[in-house]
Protein backbone atom coordinates (compact mmCIF):
# COMPACT_ATOMS: atom_id res chain seq x y z
CA ASN A 1 10.60 -17.32 -7.60
CA ILE A 2 13.35 -17.12 -9.79
CA GLN A 3 15.60 -17.46 -7.12
CA THR A 4 14.24 -19.48 -4.47
CA GLN A 5 11.82 -21.77 -7.71
CA MET A 6 8.93 -21.61 -5.14
CA VAL A 7 5.45 -20.90 -6.45
CA TYR A 8 1.86 -18.98 -5.21
CA ILE A 9 -1.34 -20.22 -6.99
CA GLY A 10 -3.67 -17.60 -6.44
CA GLN A 11 -7.41 -16.94 -7.78
CA SER A 12 -8.86 -13.73 -8.93
CA THR A 13 -11.68 -11.54 -10.23
CA ASP A 14 -9.51 -8.47 -10.89
CA VAL A 15 -6.09 -10.51 -11.49
CA ASP A 16 -3.69 -7.02 -12.22
CA ALA A 17 -5.64 -5.51 -8.69
CA ARG A 18 -4.88 -8.44 -7.10
CA TRP A 19 -1.03 -8.68 -7.91
CA LYS A 20 -0.89 -4.63 -7.22
CA SER A 21 -2.30 -5.73 -3.84
CA HIS A 22 0.13 -8.31 -2.48
CA VAL A 23 2.63 -5.48 -4.23
CA LYS A 24 1.33 -2.97 -2.27
CA ALA A 25 1.27 -5.20 0.82
CA ALA A 26 4.68 -6.66 0.68
CA CYS A 27 6.55 -3.07 0.47
CA GLY A 28 4.29 -1.44 3.37
CA LEU A 29 2.14 0.84 1.32
CA ASP A 30 -1.09 -0.58 2.01
CA GLY A 31 -0.78 -2.05 5.47
CA VAL A 32 1.76 -5.16 6.41
CA ALA A 33 2.92 -8.54 4.61
CA ASP A 34 0.79 -10.62 6.39
CA SER A 35 1.44 -13.66 4.26
CA VAL A 36 3.76 -16.66 3.33
CA PHE A 37 3.64 -15.24 -0.14
CA GLN A 38 4.11 -10.77 0.44
CA ARG A 39 6.71 -11.22 2.83
CA ALA A 40 8.39 -13.35 0.00
CA LEU A 41 8.10 -10.55 -1.79
CA LYS A 42 9.22 -8.42 0.40
CA LYS A 43 12.29 -10.10 1.01
CA TYR A 44 13.55 -10.75 -2.71
CA GLY A 45 11.85 -7.87 -4.30
CA VAL A 46 8.85 -8.16 -6.94
CA ASP A 47 11.73 -8.42 -9.75
CA SER A 48 12.34 -11.84 -8.42
CA PHE A 49 9.23 -13.01 -9.38
CA THR A 50 7.50 -13.66 -12.87
CA PHE A 51 4.25 -13.78 -13.35
CA GLU A 52 1.65 -16.56 -15.44
CA LEU A 53 -1.55 -16.78 -16.46
CA LEU A 54 -2.22 -20.65 -15.40
CA GLU A 55 -6.13 -20.57 -16.40
CA LYS A 56 -9.52 -18.25 -17.12
CA VAL A 57 -12.33 -19.90 -15.94
CA ASN A 58 -15.78 -18.73 -15.28
CA LYS A 59 -16.57 -17.49 -11.55
CA GLU A 60 -18.23 -20.36 -10.29
CA LYS A 61 -14.85 -22.36 -10.91
CA LEU A 62 -12.26 -20.67 -9.40
CA ARG A 63 -11.93 -22.20 -5.91
CA GLU A 64 -12.35 -25.76 -7.62
CA ARG A 65 -9.44 -24.74 -9.98
CA GLU A 66 -7.48 -22.81 -7.89
CA LYS A 67 -7.68 -26.32 -5.51
CA TYR A 68 -6.18 -28.32 -8.38
CA TRP A 69 -3.26 -25.64 -9.22
CA ILE A 70 -2.27 -25.88 -5.52
CA GLU A 71 -2.39 -29.49 -5.18
CA PHE A 72 -0.74 -29.59 -9.29
CA TYR A 73 2.40 -28.05 -7.93
CA GLN A 74 2.26 -28.99 -4.33
CA SER A 75 2.49 -25.00 -3.89
CA ASN A 76 1.26 -25.55 0.01
CA LYS A 77 4.10 -28.05 0.41
CA TYR A 78 7.04 -26.39 -1.61
CA GLY A 79 5.49 -22.86 -2.16
CA TYR A 80 3.97 -20.22 -0.62
CA ASN A 81 0.23 -21.60 -0.53
CA GLN A 82 -0.65 -22.62 3.60
CA LYS A 83 -3.47 -23.96 2.22
CA ILE A 84 -5.14 -26.45 -0.19
CA GLY A 85 -7.88 -23.33 -1.77
């Protein structure tokens, strides 16, 4: 979030589809914004967020690496992640 400097770390095997699902939920097009991150997308607007791919890994390592990056950025304390991986 370029306004608050808060981050969200996620994992996906289809990054484009995952991003779109977050945006649709935030806009009320596919359910309701039910996560802290989706509510922030709704509150600040999609244009207030930048997107960055941190790392490409095998599917088997997704959870491990997500946990690593959440801990690295402490996004469960200072961001939108609600738990560590």
